[in-house]
Amino acid sequence: MLIRDATPADAAAIAAIYNDAVAHTTAVWNDTPVDADDRRAWMQARMAQGYPVLVAEAGGQVLGYASFGDWRAFAGYRHTVEHSVYVHPGARGQGVGRALLLALIARARAAGKHVMVAAVEAGNTPSIALHESLGFVRTGLMPQVGAKFGRWLDLAFLQLRLDDRAAP
């Protein structure tokens, strides 16, 4: 498996993975599928801000993708990023998410970020376990802040301190 920077040619595969999450999971709290043009625009916006979009690839197939961006849009939060990782349904449980998240953590450290935040649907125990196995700690729970598939969803927050700086 190769972890690499995404290119515009990956947009259709990224859209397909995202759309599967929209249709079948609570990993993304959106009900609207996207197309390749939407994902190309999203990738361009992320990259224009200096943030990575990574893909995991094997045998010419995109198995998953990941990115991070601003956690909040205020200057005081500039040292903190929030990430997302999505894996093709046929590749889940095979280490793709772990490899992508490890690569994102390395990129965030290289960019001088201090904290990486994960916002995970509280019932997504595999994602929470993955994050905790990489050193993320649970920092909060927001009950019933989302809705999908006719039910309320709780949002769990986890964070990873990326460095030991005493001050920014």
N, C-alpha and C. Protein backbone atom coordinates (compact mmCIF):
# COMPACT_ATOMS: atom_id res chain seq x y z
N MET A 1 0.86 -1.19 0.00
CA MET A 1 0.00 0.00 0.00
C MET A 1 0.89 1.24 0.00
N LEU A 2 0.53 2.18 -0.83
CA LEU A 2 1.24 3.44 -0.96
C LEU A 2 0.36 4.57 -0.43
N ILE A 3 0.90 5.41 0.44
CA ILE A 3 0.22 6.63 0.88
C ILE A 3 0.87 7.77 0.10
N ARG A 4 0.07 8.54 -0.60
CA ARG A 4 0.60 9.62 -1.43
C ARG A 4 -0.35 10.79 -1.44
N ASP A 5 0.15 11.93 -1.93
CA ASP A 5 -0.71 13.09 -2.12
C ASP A 5 -1.72 12.80 -3.22
N ALA A 6 -2.94 13.22 -2.99
CA ALA A 6 -4.00 13.04 -3.99
C ALA A 6 -3.75 13.97 -5.17
N THR A 7 -4.24 13.56 -6.32
CA THR A 7 -4.21 14.38 -7.53
C THR A 7 -5.64 14.54 -8.03
N PRO A 8 -5.86 15.48 -8.95
CA PRO A 8 -7.21 15.62 -9.50
C PRO A 8 -7.75 14.32 -10.12
N ALA A 9 -6.86 13.46 -10.58
CA ALA A 9 -7.30 12.18 -11.17
C ALA A 9 -7.93 11.25 -10.13
N ASP A 10 -7.70 11.52 -8.84
CA ASP A 10 -8.28 10.70 -7.77
C ASP A 10 -9.68 11.15 -7.37
N ALA A 11 -10.16 12.23 -7.93
CA ALA A 11 -11.42 12.83 -7.47
C ALA A 11 -12.61 11.89 -7.57
N ALA A 12 -12.71 11.12 -8.65
CA ALA A 12 -13.86 10.21 -8.80
C ALA A 12 -13.82 9.11 -7.74
N ALA A 13 -12.65 8.55 -7.46
CA ALA A 13 -12.53 7.51 -6.44
C ALA A 13 -12.82 8.08 -5.06
N ILE A 14 -12.34 9.29 -4.79
CA ILE A 14 -12.61 9.94 -3.50
C ILE A 14 -14.10 10.20 -3.36
N ALA A 15 -14.74 10.66 -4.43
CA ALA A 15 -16.19 10.90 -4.38
C ALA A 15 -16.95 9.61 -4.11
N ALA A 16 -16.53 8.51 -4.73
CA ALA A 16 -17.22 7.23 -4.52
C ALA A 16 -17.10 6.77 -3.06
N ILE A 17 -15.92 6.93 -2.47
CA ILE A 17 -15.73 6.54 -1.07
C ILE A 17 -16.57 7.43 -0.16
N TYR A 18 -16.55 8.74 -0.43
CA TYR A 18 -17.34 9.68 0.36
C TYR A 18 -18.84 9.35 0.23
N ASN A 19 -19.30 9.10 -0.99
CA ASN A 19 -20.72 8.83 -1.21
C ASN A 19 -21.17 7.55 -0.52
N ASP A 20 -20.30 6.56 -0.44
CA ASP A 20 -20.64 5.36 0.32
C ASP A 20 -20.85 5.71 1.79
N ALA A 21 -19.97 6.55 2.33
CA ALA A 21 -20.12 6.98 3.72
C ALA A 21 -21.41 7.77 3.92
N VAL A 22 -21.76 8.60 2.95
CA VAL A 22 -23.02 9.36 3.03
C VAL A 22 -24.21 8.41 3.06
N ALA A 23 -24.21 7.43 2.18
CA ALA A 23 -25.37 6.55 2.03
C ALA A 23 -25.49 5.49 3.11
N HIS A 24 -24.37 5.04 3.67
CA HIS A 24 -24.42 3.84 4.51
C HIS A 24 -23.87 3.97 5.92
N THR A 25 -23.27 5.11 6.27
CA THR A 25 -22.64 5.22 7.59
C THR A 25 -23.00 6.53 8.27
N THR A 26 -22.62 6.62 9.53
CA THR A 26 -22.73 7.87 10.26
C THR A 26 -21.36 8.53 10.40
N ALA A 27 -20.42 8.13 9.55
CA ALA A 27 -19.08 8.74 9.59
C ALA A 27 -19.13 10.18 9.09
N VAL A 28 -20.06 10.48 8.21
CA VAL A 28 -20.27 11.85 7.75
C VAL A 28 -21.75 12.17 7.93
N TRP A 29 -22.02 13.33 8.48
CA TRP A 29 -23.41 13.69 8.77
C TRP A 29 -23.95 14.56 7.65
N ASN A 30 -23.94 14.00 6.47
CA ASN A 30 -24.44 14.67 5.29
C ASN A 30 -25.32 13.68 4.56
N ASP A 31 -26.34 14.18 3.91
CA ASP A 31 -27.27 13.32 3.17
C ASP A 31 -27.13 13.45 1.67
N THR A 32 -26.25 14.33 1.21
CA THR A 32 -26.16 14.66 -0.20
C THR A 32 -24.90 14.09 -0.83
N PRO A 33 -25.04 13.23 -1.83
CA PRO A 33 -23.86 12.72 -2.53
C PRO A 33 -23.17 13.85 -3.31
N VAL A 34 -21.90 13.62 -3.62
CA VAL A 34 -21.11 14.59 -4.37
C VAL A 34 -20.60 13.94 -5.65
N ASP A 35 -20.09 14.78 -6.56
CA ASP A 35 -19.49 14.23 -7.77
C ASP A 35 -18.00 14.55 -7.78
N ALA A 36 -17.32 14.09 -8.81
CA ALA A 36 -15.87 14.27 -8.90
C ALA A 36 -15.51 15.75 -8.94
N ASP A 37 -16.31 16.57 -9.62
CA ASP A 37 -16.01 18.01 -9.67
C ASP A 37 -16.04 18.63 -8.27
N ASP A 38 -17.00 18.22 -7.47
CA ASP A 38 -17.08 18.71 -6.09
C ASP A 38 -15.82 18.33 -5.31
N ARG A 39 -15.40 17.10 -5.43
CA ARG A 39 -14.21 16.65 -4.70
C ARG A 39 -12.94 17.32 -5.22
N ARG A 40 -12.87 17.59 -6.53
CA ARG A 40 -11.72 18.33 -7.07
C ARG A 40 -11.66 19.73 -6.47
N ALA A 41 -12.81 20.39 -6.40
CA ALA A 41 -12.86 21.74 -5.81
C ALA A 41 -12.49 21.69 -4.33
N TRP A 42 -12.97 20.67 -3.61
CA TRP A 42 -12.63 20.51 -2.20
C TRP A 42 -11.12 20.30 -2.04
N MET A 43 -10.54 19.44 -2.88
CA MET A 43 -9.09 19.20 -2.81
C MET A 43 -8.31 20.47 -3.10
N GLN A 44 -8.73 21.21 -4.12
CA GLN A 44 -8.04 22.46 -4.46
C GLN A 44 -8.10 23.45 -3.31
N ALA A 45 -9.25 23.55 -2.66
CA ALA A 45 -9.39 24.47 -1.53
C ALA A 45 -8.49 24.06 -0.37
N ARG A 46 -8.46 22.77 -0.06
CA ARG A 46 -7.59 22.30 1.02
C ARG A 46 -6.12 22.59 0.71
N MET A 47 -5.72 22.25 -0.49
CA MET A 47 -4.32 22.42 -0.88
C MET A 47 -3.94 23.91 -0.95
N ALA A 48 -4.88 24.76 -1.35
CA ALA A 48 -4.61 26.20 -1.41
C ALA A 48 -4.35 26.76 -0.01
N GLN A 49 -4.92 26.12 1.01
CA GLN A 49 -4.69 26.52 2.40
C GLN A 49 -3.43 25.87 2.97
N GLY A 50 -2.74 25.07 2.17
CA GLY A 50 -1.53 24.41 2.62
C GLY A 50 -1.78 23.11 3.36
N TYR A 51 -2.99 22.57 3.24
CA TYR A 51 -3.33 21.33 3.94
C TYR A 51 -3.29 20.15 2.98
N PRO A 52 -2.91 18.97 3.49
CA PRO A 52 -2.78 17.80 2.62
C PRO A 52 -4.11 17.11 2.35
N VAL A 53 -4.18 16.47 1.21
CA VAL A 53 -5.18 15.46 0.92
C VAL A 53 -4.38 14.25 0.48
N LEU A 54 -4.51 13.18 1.23
CA LEU A 54 -3.74 11.97 0.98
C LEU A 54 -4.66 10.84 0.52
N VAL A 55 -4.12 9.95 -0.27
CA VAL A 55 -4.83 8.72 -0.63
C VAL A 55 -3.95 7.53 -0.30
N ALA A 56 -4.63 6.42 0.02
CA ALA A 56 -3.98 5.13 0.14
C ALA A 56 -4.31 4.38 -1.13
N GLU A 57 -3.29 3.85 -1.77
CA GLU A 57 -3.48 3.18 -3.06
C GLU A 57 -2.79 1.82 -3.04
N ALA A 58 -3.42 0.85 -3.66
CA ALA A 58 -2.82 -0.47 -3.86
C ALA A 58 -3.33 -1.02 -5.18
N GLY A 59 -2.44 -1.49 -6.00
CA GLY A 59 -2.84 -2.07 -7.28
C GLY A 59 -3.58 -1.09 -8.16
N GLY A 60 -3.25 0.19 -8.05
CA GLY A 60 -3.91 1.20 -8.87
C GLY A 60 -5.28 1.62 -8.38
N GLN A 61 -5.73 1.07 -7.25
CA GLN A 61 -7.05 1.41 -6.70
C GLN A 61 -6.88 2.28 -5.45
N VAL A 62 -7.68 3.34 -5.37
CA VAL A 62 -7.71 4.18 -4.16
C VAL A 62 -8.53 3.45 -3.11
N LEU A 63 -7.88 3.14 -1.98
CA LEU A 63 -8.52 2.40 -0.90
C LEU A 63 -9.10 3.30 0.18
N GLY A 64 -8.63 4.55 0.22
CA GLY A 64 -9.10 5.49 1.22
C GLY A 64 -8.44 6.83 1.01
N TYR A 65 -8.94 7.81 1.73
CA TYR A 65 -8.35 9.15 1.65
C TYR A 65 -8.48 9.83 3.00
N ALA A 66 -7.66 10.87 3.18
CA ALA A 66 -7.65 11.57 4.45
C ALA A 66 -7.15 13.00 4.24
N SER A 67 -7.55 13.87 5.14
CA SER A 67 -7.11 15.26 5.09
C SER A 67 -7.26 15.89 6.47
N PHE A 68 -6.65 17.03 6.63
CA PHE A 68 -6.95 17.85 7.80
C PHE A 68 -7.05 19.30 7.35
N GLY A 69 -7.72 20.08 8.19
CA GLY A 69 -7.89 21.49 7.92
C GLY A 69 -8.11 22.23 9.22
N ASP A 70 -8.43 23.50 9.11
CA ASP A 70 -8.66 24.33 10.29
C ASP A 70 -9.71 23.69 11.19
N TRP A 71 -9.44 23.72 12.49
CA TRP A 71 -10.45 23.24 13.43
C TRP A 71 -11.52 24.30 13.60
N ARG A 72 -11.11 25.52 13.80
CA ARG A 72 -12.03 26.65 13.85
C ARG A 72 -11.34 27.79 13.12
N ALA A 73 -12.10 28.71 12.61
CA ALA A 73 -11.57 29.74 11.70
C ALA A 73 -11.04 30.99 12.40
N PHE A 74 -10.73 30.91 13.68
CA PHE A 74 -10.23 32.07 14.40
C PHE A 74 -8.73 31.92 14.63
N ALA A 75 -8.00 33.03 14.61
CA ALA A 75 -6.54 33.00 14.70
C ALA A 75 -6.03 32.25 15.92
N GLY A 76 -6.73 32.32 17.01
CA GLY A 76 -6.28 31.65 18.22
C GLY A 76 -6.24 30.14 18.11
N TYR A 77 -6.92 29.58 17.11
CA TYR A 77 -6.94 28.14 16.91
C TYR A 77 -5.98 27.68 15.81
N ARG A 78 -5.10 28.56 15.35
CA ARG A 78 -4.26 28.25 14.19
C ARG A 78 -3.29 27.10 14.40
N HIS A 79 -3.09 26.69 15.63
CA HIS A 79 -2.18 25.58 15.92
C HIS A 79 -2.91 24.24 16.03
N THR A 80 -4.21 24.25 15.78
CA THR A 80 -5.05 23.06 15.93
C THR A 80 -5.71 22.74 14.60
N VAL A 81 -5.71 21.45 14.25
CA VAL A 81 -6.38 20.99 13.03
C VAL A 81 -7.36 19.87 13.38
N GLU A 82 -8.36 19.72 12.53
CA GLU A 82 -9.31 18.61 12.61
C GLU A 82 -9.13 17.77 11.36
N HIS A 83 -9.17 16.49 11.52
CA HIS A 83 -8.93 15.60 10.38
C HIS A 83 -10.14 14.74 10.06
N SER A 84 -10.08 14.13 8.88
CA SER A 84 -11.06 13.13 8.49
C SER A 84 -10.34 12.05 7.70
N VAL A 85 -10.82 10.82 7.89
CA VAL A 85 -10.28 9.65 7.21
C VAL A 85 -11.47 8.82 6.74
N TYR A 86 -11.48 8.46 5.47
CA TYR A 86 -12.53 7.62 4.91
C TYR A 86 -11.90 6.47 4.16
N VAL A 87 -12.44 5.27 4.35
CA VAL A 87 -11.89 4.07 3.75
C VAL A 87 -12.95 3.38 2.90
N HIS A 88 -12.55 2.91 1.74
CA HIS A 88 -13.43 2.15 0.85
C HIS A 88 -14.03 0.98 1.63
N PRO A 89 -15.32 0.70 1.46
CA PRO A 89 -15.95 -0.36 2.27
C PRO A 89 -15.25 -1.72 2.12
N GLY A 90 -14.69 -2.02 0.96
CA GLY A 90 -14.01 -3.29 0.77
C GLY A 90 -12.62 -3.35 1.39
N ALA A 91 -12.13 -2.22 1.89
CA ALA A 91 -10.78 -2.17 2.47
C ALA A 91 -10.79 -1.90 3.97
N ARG A 92 -11.96 -1.80 4.56
CA ARG A 92 -12.04 -1.52 5.99
C ARG A 92 -11.49 -2.69 6.80
N GLY A 93 -10.85 -2.37 7.93
CA GLY A 93 -10.30 -3.40 8.80
C GLY A 93 -8.98 -3.97 8.33
N GLN A 94 -8.37 -3.35 7.32
CA GLN A 94 -7.12 -3.87 6.76
C GLN A 94 -5.93 -2.94 7.01
N GLY A 95 -6.08 -1.97 7.89
CA GLY A 95 -4.98 -1.08 8.23
C GLY A 95 -4.88 0.17 7.38
N VAL A 96 -5.82 0.38 6.48
CA VAL A 96 -5.79 1.55 5.60
C VAL A 96 -6.00 2.82 6.41
N GLY A 97 -7.01 2.83 7.27
CA GLY A 97 -7.28 4.01 8.09
C GLY A 97 -6.11 4.35 8.99
N ARG A 98 -5.49 3.35 9.59
CA ARG A 98 -4.33 3.55 10.46
C ARG A 98 -3.18 4.18 9.67
N ALA A 99 -2.90 3.63 8.49
CA ALA A 99 -1.80 4.16 7.67
C ALA A 99 -2.06 5.61 7.27
N LEU A 100 -3.29 5.91 6.88
CA LEU A 100 -3.63 7.28 6.50
C LEU A 100 -3.51 8.22 7.70
N LEU A 101 -4.03 7.79 8.87
CA LEU A 101 -3.99 8.64 10.04
C LEU A 101 -2.55 8.88 10.50
N LEU A 102 -1.71 7.85 10.47
CA LEU A 102 -0.29 8.04 10.81
C LEU A 102 0.37 9.04 9.87
N ALA A 103 0.06 8.97 8.58
CA ALA A 103 0.63 9.92 7.62
C ALA A 103 0.13 11.33 7.89
N LEU A 104 -1.14 11.47 8.25
CA LEU A 104 -1.68 12.80 8.58
C LEU A 104 -1.01 13.37 9.83
N ILE A 105 -0.82 12.54 10.83
CA ILE A 105 -0.16 13.00 12.06
C ILE A 105 1.23 13.51 11.73
N ALA A 106 1.96 12.77 10.92
CA ALA A 106 3.31 13.20 10.53
C ALA A 106 3.26 14.53 9.77
N ARG A 107 2.30 14.70 8.87
CA ARG A 107 2.17 15.96 8.13
C ARG A 107 1.83 17.11 9.05
N ALA A 108 0.94 16.87 10.02
CA ALA A 108 0.57 17.94 10.95
C ALA A 108 1.77 18.35 11.80
N ARG A 109 2.54 17.38 12.24
CA ARG A 109 3.75 17.72 13.01
C ARG A 109 4.73 18.51 12.15
N ALA A 110 4.92 18.08 10.91
CA ALA A 110 5.84 18.78 10.01
C ALA A 110 5.37 20.20 9.74
N ALA A 111 4.06 20.43 9.78
CA ALA A 111 3.50 21.77 9.56
C ALA A 111 3.53 22.62 10.83
N GLY A 112 4.03 22.08 11.92
CA GLY A 112 4.13 22.84 13.16
C GLY A 112 2.84 22.93 13.94
N LYS A 113 1.90 22.04 13.68
CA LYS A 113 0.63 22.05 14.42
C LYS A 113 0.85 21.47 15.82
N HIS A 114 0.02 21.88 16.75
CA HIS A 114 0.18 21.48 18.15
C HIS A 114 -0.82 20.40 18.57
N VAL A 115 -2.04 20.48 18.06
CA VAL A 115 -3.10 19.53 18.44
C VAL A 115 -3.86 19.11 17.20
N MET A 116 -4.20 17.81 17.15
CA MET A 116 -5.09 17.29 16.11
C MET A 116 -6.36 16.81 16.79
N VAL A 117 -7.50 17.25 16.28
CA VAL A 117 -8.81 16.93 16.84
C VAL A 117 -9.52 15.93 15.95
N ALA A 118 -10.19 14.98 16.59
CA ALA A 118 -11.08 14.04 15.90
C ALA A 118 -12.48 14.25 16.44
N ALA A 119 -13.44 14.41 15.54
CA ALA A 119 -14.85 14.47 15.91
C ALA A 119 -15.49 13.23 15.30
N VAL A 120 -15.89 12.28 16.14
CA VAL A 120 -16.32 10.96 15.70
C VAL A 120 -17.72 10.68 16.25
N GLU A 121 -18.59 10.13 15.43
CA GLU A 121 -19.90 9.71 15.92
C GLU A 121 -19.65 8.72 17.05
N ALA A 122 -20.26 8.97 18.20
CA ALA A 122 -19.93 8.25 19.42
C ALA A 122 -20.15 6.74 19.33
N GLY A 123 -20.98 6.29 18.44
CA GLY A 123 -21.21 4.86 18.27
C GLY A 123 -20.22 4.19 17.34
N ASN A 124 -19.31 4.96 16.75
CA ASN A 124 -18.33 4.41 15.82
C ASN A 124 -17.13 3.88 16.61
N THR A 125 -17.34 2.76 17.29
CA THR A 125 -16.31 2.22 18.16
C THR A 125 -15.02 1.83 17.43
N PRO A 126 -15.07 1.33 16.19
CA PRO A 126 -13.79 1.05 15.51
C PRO A 126 -12.95 2.31 15.31
N SER A 127 -13.57 3.42 14.94
CA SER A 127 -12.83 4.66 14.75
C SER A 127 -12.27 5.18 16.07
N ILE A 128 -13.08 5.13 17.11
CA ILE A 128 -12.61 5.59 18.41
C ILE A 128 -11.44 4.72 18.88
N ALA A 129 -11.55 3.41 18.71
CA ALA A 129 -10.46 2.50 19.11
C ALA A 129 -9.19 2.79 18.32
N LEU A 130 -9.32 3.04 17.02
CA LEU A 130 -8.15 3.38 16.21
C LEU A 130 -7.47 4.63 16.75
N HIS A 131 -8.26 5.67 16.98
CA HIS A 131 -7.69 6.92 17.49
C HIS A 131 -7.00 6.71 18.84
N GLU A 132 -7.66 6.01 19.73
CA GLU A 132 -7.05 5.78 21.05
C GLU A 132 -5.77 4.95 20.93
N SER A 133 -5.71 4.01 20.00
CA SER A 133 -4.51 3.20 19.84
C SER A 133 -3.32 4.04 19.35
N LEU A 134 -3.61 5.19 18.76
CA LEU A 134 -2.56 6.09 18.28
C LEU A 134 -2.29 7.25 19.25
N GLY A 135 -2.86 7.18 20.44
CA GLY A 135 -2.57 8.17 21.47
C GLY A 135 -3.59 9.27 21.63
N PHE A 136 -4.65 9.27 20.85
CA PHE A 136 -5.71 10.26 21.04
C PHE A 136 -6.42 9.97 22.36
N VAL A 137 -6.83 11.02 23.05
CA VAL A 137 -7.59 10.88 24.28
C VAL A 137 -8.96 11.51 24.11
N ARG A 138 -9.95 10.90 24.74
CA ARG A 138 -11.31 11.45 24.69
C ARG A 138 -11.36 12.71 25.53
N THR A 139 -11.93 13.76 24.95
CA THR A 139 -11.99 15.03 25.65
C THR A 139 -13.40 15.56 25.81
N GLY A 140 -14.37 14.95 25.13
CA GLY A 140 -15.72 15.46 25.28
C GLY A 140 -16.74 14.63 24.54
N LEU A 141 -17.99 14.82 24.92
CA LEU A 141 -19.12 14.17 24.28
C LEU A 141 -20.25 15.19 24.19
N MET A 142 -20.78 15.35 22.99
CA MET A 142 -21.91 16.26 22.78
C MET A 142 -23.11 15.42 22.35
N PRO A 143 -24.03 15.15 23.29
CA PRO A 143 -25.19 14.31 22.98
C PRO A 143 -26.16 14.98 22.01
N GLN A 144 -26.66 14.19 21.09
CA GLN A 144 -27.76 14.54 20.19
C GLN A 144 -27.54 15.84 19.41
N VAL A 145 -26.31 16.11 18.97
CA VAL A 145 -26.04 17.32 18.20
C VAL A 145 -26.22 17.10 16.70
N GLY A 146 -26.42 15.86 16.28
CA GLY A 146 -26.62 15.57 14.87
C GLY A 146 -27.77 14.60 14.69
N ALA A 147 -28.15 14.42 13.42
CA ALA A 147 -29.21 13.48 13.10
C ALA A 147 -28.94 12.86 11.74
N LYS A 148 -29.20 11.57 11.65
CA LYS A 148 -29.09 10.86 10.38
C LYS A 148 -29.82 9.53 10.53
N PHE A 149 -30.38 9.06 9.45
CA PHE A 149 -31.10 7.78 9.43
C PHE A 149 -32.21 7.75 10.47
N GLY A 150 -32.84 8.91 10.70
CA GLY A 150 -34.00 8.98 11.59
C GLY A 150 -33.69 8.89 13.07
N ARG A 151 -32.45 9.15 13.45
CA ARG A 151 -32.11 9.11 14.88
C ARG A 151 -31.12 10.22 15.22
N TRP A 152 -31.07 10.56 16.50
CA TRP A 152 -30.11 11.53 17.00
C TRP A 152 -28.74 10.89 17.08
N LEU A 153 -27.71 11.70 16.85
CA LEU A 153 -26.34 11.22 16.92
C LEU A 153 -25.55 12.03 17.94
N ASP A 154 -24.71 11.33 18.68
CA ASP A 154 -23.82 11.97 19.66
C ASP A 154 -22.44 12.13 19.02
N LEU A 155 -21.77 13.21 19.34
CA LEU A 155 -20.45 13.49 18.79
C LEU A 155 -19.40 13.39 19.88
N ALA A 156 -18.43 12.48 19.68
CA ALA A 156 -17.32 12.33 20.61
C ALA A 156 -16.13 13.11 20.08
N PHE A 157 -15.45 13.82 20.97
CA PHE A 157 -14.23 14.53 20.61
C PHE A 157 -13.03 13.81 21.22
N LEU A 158 -12.00 13.66 20.40
CA LEU A 158 -10.72 13.12 20.85
C LEU A 158 -9.65 14.07 20.36
N GLN A 159 -8.52 14.08 21.04
CA GLN A 159 -7.44 14.93 20.56
C GLN A 159 -6.10 14.28 20.82
N LEU A 160 -5.14 14.67 19.99
CA LEU A 160 -3.76 14.21 20.12
C LEU A 160 -2.87 15.44 20.18
N ARG A 161 -2.08 15.53 21.24
CA ARG A 161 -1.08 16.60 21.31
C ARG A 161 0.10 16.16 20.46
N LEU A 162 0.47 17.00 19.51
CA LEU A 162 1.48 16.65 18.52
C LEU A 162 2.91 17.00 18.94
N ASP A 163 3.04 17.88 19.92
CA ASP A 163 4.37 18.25 20.40
C ASP A 163 4.28 18.66 21.87
N ASP A 164 5.43 18.93 22.45
CA ASP A 164 5.48 19.28 23.87
C ASP A 164 5.82 20.75 24.11
N ARG A 165 5.56 21.61 23.12
CA ARG A 165 5.85 23.03 23.31
C ARG A 165 5.09 23.59 24.51
N ALA A 166 5.79 24.35 25.32
CA ALA A 166 5.14 25.00 26.47
C ALA A 166 4.35 26.24 26.04
N ALA A 167 4.73 26.83 24.91
CA ALA A 167 4.05 28.03 24.41
C ALA A 167 4.08 28.00 22.89
N PRO A 168 3.12 28.68 22.25
CA PRO A 168 3.09 28.69 20.77
C PRO A 168 4.32 29.34 20.16
